Amino acid sequence: TANECFNEDDIINIYPLIKQVPPKPSDAYQFFTTGQQKIQQGLLREGFELISEAHNLLNNVYGPMHPEISMCL
């Protein structure tokens, strides 16, 4: 109708533009999984150090309140 600001035909073939991709600290996840493997192998000190490093990296990227930080605790 003439009273509408726009109709369905005005928005066909419009796609969202991603302006920001959330950061993904792949090094931190690598440290974390390697640390878990070391702990399972009985190498507790090495595993603890790797998981602590993963915690520090995740804390720097995401901040202390991000839910992914809790996996390192």
N, C-alpha and C. Protein backbone atom coordinates (compact mmCIF):
# COMPACT_ATOMS: atom_id res chain seq x y z
N THR A 1 0.84 -1.19 0.00
CA THR A 1 0.00 0.00 0.00
C THR A 1 0.88 1.24 0.00
N ALA A 2 0.27 2.36 -0.26
CA ALA A 2 1.00 3.62 -0.36
C ALA A 2 1.44 4.13 1.00
N ASN A 3 0.84 3.67 2.10
CA ASN A 3 1.17 4.16 3.43
C ASN A 3 2.40 3.48 4.04
N GLU A 4 2.86 2.39 3.46
CA GLU A 4 3.99 1.67 4.02
C GLU A 4 5.31 2.39 3.71
N CYS A 5 6.23 2.39 4.67
CA CYS A 5 7.56 2.98 4.45
C CYS A 5 8.37 2.12 3.48
N PHE A 6 8.30 0.82 3.67
CA PHE A 6 8.96 -0.11 2.76
C PHE A 6 8.21 -1.42 2.82
N ASN A 7 8.43 -2.25 1.83
CA ASN A 7 7.75 -3.54 1.79
C ASN A 7 8.78 -4.65 1.61
N GLU A 8 8.32 -5.88 1.48
CA GLU A 8 9.20 -7.04 1.38
C GLU A 8 10.15 -6.96 0.19
N ASP A 9 9.72 -6.40 -0.90
CA ASP A 9 10.57 -6.31 -2.10
C ASP A 9 11.78 -5.40 -1.88
N ASP A 10 11.70 -4.48 -0.93
CA ASP A 10 12.81 -3.57 -0.67
C ASP A 10 13.99 -4.25 0.03
N ILE A 11 13.74 -5.38 0.67
CA ILE A 11 14.81 -6.02 1.44
C ILE A 11 15.22 -7.39 0.90
N ILE A 12 14.83 -7.71 -0.30
CA ILE A 12 15.24 -8.97 -0.93
C ILE A 12 16.72 -8.87 -1.29
N ASN A 13 17.44 -9.94 -1.09
CA ASN A 13 18.88 -10.04 -1.40
C ASN A 13 19.75 -9.09 -0.58
N ILE A 14 19.33 -8.80 0.63
CA ILE A 14 20.16 -8.02 1.56
C ILE A 14 20.71 -8.99 2.59
N TYR A 15 22.02 -8.95 2.78
CA TYR A 15 22.69 -9.85 3.71
C TYR A 15 23.43 -9.04 4.77
N PRO A 16 23.52 -9.58 5.97
CA PRO A 16 24.24 -8.85 7.02
C PRO A 16 25.74 -8.80 6.73
N LEU A 17 26.36 -7.73 7.14
CA LEU A 17 27.79 -7.55 6.99
C LEU A 17 28.44 -7.71 8.36
N ILE A 18 29.36 -8.64 8.47
CA ILE A 18 30.04 -8.87 9.74
C ILE A 18 31.15 -7.85 9.86
N LYS A 19 31.05 -6.99 10.87
CA LYS A 19 32.05 -5.94 11.03
C LYS A 19 33.11 -6.30 12.06
N GLN A 20 32.82 -7.29 12.88
CA GLN A 20 33.80 -7.68 13.89
C GLN A 20 33.68 -9.17 14.15
N VAL A 21 34.80 -9.84 14.18
CA VAL A 21 34.83 -11.25 14.50
C VAL A 21 35.38 -11.37 15.91
N PRO A 22 34.69 -12.09 16.78
CA PRO A 22 35.21 -12.22 18.14
C PRO A 22 36.59 -12.89 18.14
N PRO A 23 37.47 -12.43 19.01
CA PRO A 23 38.81 -13.02 19.03
C PRO A 23 38.79 -14.47 19.48
N LYS A 24 39.67 -15.27 18.91
CA LYS A 24 39.80 -16.67 19.31
C LYS A 24 41.28 -16.94 19.56
N PRO A 25 41.66 -17.01 20.82
CA PRO A 25 43.07 -17.22 21.14
C PRO A 25 43.47 -18.69 20.95
N SER A 26 43.85 -19.05 19.74
CA SER A 26 44.15 -20.45 19.44
C SER A 26 45.36 -20.95 20.23
N ASP A 27 46.32 -20.07 20.52
CA ASP A 27 47.47 -20.49 21.34
C ASP A 27 47.01 -20.93 22.73
N ALA A 28 46.07 -20.20 23.30
CA ALA A 28 45.58 -20.54 24.63
C ALA A 28 44.90 -21.90 24.63
N TYR A 29 44.11 -22.17 23.60
CA TYR A 29 43.43 -23.47 23.54
C TYR A 29 44.43 -24.60 23.31
N GLN A 30 45.49 -24.32 22.56
CA GLN A 30 46.53 -25.33 22.35
C GLN A 30 47.26 -25.62 23.67
N PHE A 31 47.60 -24.56 24.41
CA PHE A 31 48.23 -24.76 25.72
C PHE A 31 47.32 -25.55 26.65
N PHE A 32 46.03 -25.23 26.62
CA PHE A 32 45.09 -25.89 27.51
C PHE A 32 44.98 -27.38 27.20
N THR A 33 44.82 -27.73 25.93
CA THR A 33 44.67 -29.15 25.59
C THR A 33 45.96 -29.92 25.83
N THR A 34 47.10 -29.29 25.54
CA THR A 34 48.37 -29.95 25.82
C THR A 34 48.56 -30.14 27.32
N GLY A 35 48.16 -29.14 28.10
CA GLY A 35 48.23 -29.26 29.55
C GLY A 35 47.37 -30.38 30.09
N GLN A 36 46.18 -30.53 29.52
CA GLN A 36 45.31 -31.64 29.93
C GLN A 36 45.96 -32.98 29.61
N GLN A 37 46.57 -33.08 28.45
CA GLN A 37 47.25 -34.33 28.07
C GLN A 37 48.40 -34.64 29.02
N LYS A 38 49.17 -33.62 29.38
CA LYS A 38 50.29 -33.82 30.30
C LYS A 38 49.79 -34.31 31.66
N ILE A 39 48.70 -33.74 32.14
CA ILE A 39 48.15 -34.16 33.44
C ILE A 39 47.67 -35.60 33.36
N GLN A 40 47.04 -35.98 32.25
CA GLN A 40 46.59 -37.36 32.09
C GLN A 40 47.76 -38.34 32.02
N GLN A 41 48.91 -37.86 31.57
CA GLN A 41 50.11 -38.69 31.50
C GLN A 41 50.85 -38.74 32.84
N GLY A 42 50.35 -37.98 33.81
CA GLY A 42 50.99 -37.96 35.12
C GLY A 42 52.03 -36.87 35.29
N LEU A 43 52.20 -36.04 34.30
CA LEU A 43 53.16 -34.94 34.36
C LEU A 43 52.45 -33.69 34.89
N LEU A 44 52.20 -33.68 36.19
CA LEU A 44 51.35 -32.66 36.79
C LEU A 44 51.96 -31.27 36.71
N ARG A 45 53.23 -31.13 37.00
CA ARG A 45 53.85 -29.80 37.00
C ARG A 45 53.81 -29.18 35.60
N GLU A 46 54.18 -29.94 34.58
CA GLU A 46 54.16 -29.43 33.21
C GLU A 46 52.74 -29.09 32.78
N GLY A 47 51.79 -29.96 33.13
CA GLY A 47 50.39 -29.69 32.79
C GLY A 47 49.87 -28.45 33.47
N PHE A 48 50.22 -28.28 34.75
CA PHE A 48 49.78 -27.10 35.49
C PHE A 48 50.35 -25.83 34.86
N GLU A 49 51.62 -25.86 34.47
CA GLU A 49 52.24 -24.68 33.86
C GLU A 49 51.57 -24.32 32.53
N LEU A 50 51.26 -25.32 31.73
CA LEU A 50 50.60 -25.05 30.45
C LEU A 50 49.19 -24.51 30.65
N ILE A 51 48.45 -25.07 31.58
CA ILE A 51 47.09 -24.59 31.83
C ILE A 51 47.13 -23.19 32.44
N SER A 52 48.12 -22.91 33.27
CA SER A 52 48.28 -21.55 33.82
C SER A 52 48.57 -20.55 32.72
N GLU A 53 49.40 -20.94 31.76
CA GLU A 53 49.69 -20.05 30.63
C GLU A 53 48.43 -19.84 29.79
N ALA A 54 47.65 -20.89 29.59
CA ALA A 54 46.38 -20.75 28.86
C ALA A 54 45.46 -19.80 29.60
N HIS A 55 45.41 -19.91 30.91
CA HIS A 55 44.57 -19.01 31.72
C HIS A 55 45.01 -17.56 31.55
N ASN A 56 46.31 -17.31 31.59
CA ASN A 56 46.81 -15.95 31.41
C ASN A 56 46.46 -15.39 30.04
N LEU A 57 46.62 -16.19 29.00
CA LEU A 57 46.29 -15.73 27.65
C LEU A 57 44.80 -15.46 27.50
N LEU A 58 43.97 -16.37 28.00
CA LEU A 58 42.52 -16.17 27.91
C LEU A 58 42.10 -14.93 28.69
N ASN A 59 42.72 -14.72 29.84
CA ASN A 59 42.41 -13.55 30.65
C ASN A 59 42.77 -12.26 29.92
N ASN A 60 43.89 -12.27 29.21
CA ASN A 60 44.30 -11.08 28.45
C ASN A 60 43.40 -10.82 27.25
N VAL A 61 42.92 -11.87 26.62
CA VAL A 61 42.08 -11.70 25.42
C VAL A 61 40.64 -11.38 25.80
N TYR A 62 40.07 -12.17 26.72
CA TYR A 62 38.64 -12.06 27.02
C TYR A 62 38.33 -11.20 28.24
N GLY A 63 39.23 -11.13 29.19
CA GLY A 63 38.95 -10.47 30.46
C GLY A 63 38.53 -11.50 31.49
N PRO A 64 38.57 -11.10 32.76
CA PRO A 64 38.38 -12.07 33.84
C PRO A 64 36.97 -12.63 33.98
N MET A 65 35.97 -12.01 33.41
CA MET A 65 34.59 -12.45 33.61
C MET A 65 34.05 -13.32 32.48
N HIS A 66 34.85 -13.64 31.49
CA HIS A 66 34.38 -14.45 30.37
C HIS A 66 34.21 -15.90 30.81
N PRO A 67 33.15 -16.58 30.37
CA PRO A 67 32.91 -17.96 30.81
C PRO A 67 34.00 -18.95 30.41
N GLU A 68 34.75 -18.69 29.35
CA GLU A 68 35.79 -19.63 28.93
C GLU A 68 36.97 -19.65 29.91
N ILE A 69 37.10 -18.61 30.73
CA ILE A 69 38.18 -18.56 31.72
C ILE A 69 38.00 -19.69 32.73
N SER A 70 36.76 -20.03 33.03
CA SER A 70 36.50 -21.02 34.09
C SER A 70 37.02 -22.41 33.75
N MET A 71 37.23 -22.72 32.49
CA MET A 71 37.73 -24.06 32.14
C MET A 71 39.16 -24.26 32.62
N CYS A 72 39.89 -23.18 32.88
CA CYS A 72 41.28 -23.29 33.33
C CYS A 72 41.39 -23.33 34.85
N LEU A 73 40.31 -23.13 35.54
CA LEU A 73 40.39 -23.09 37.01
C LEU A 73 40.31 -24.46 37.62
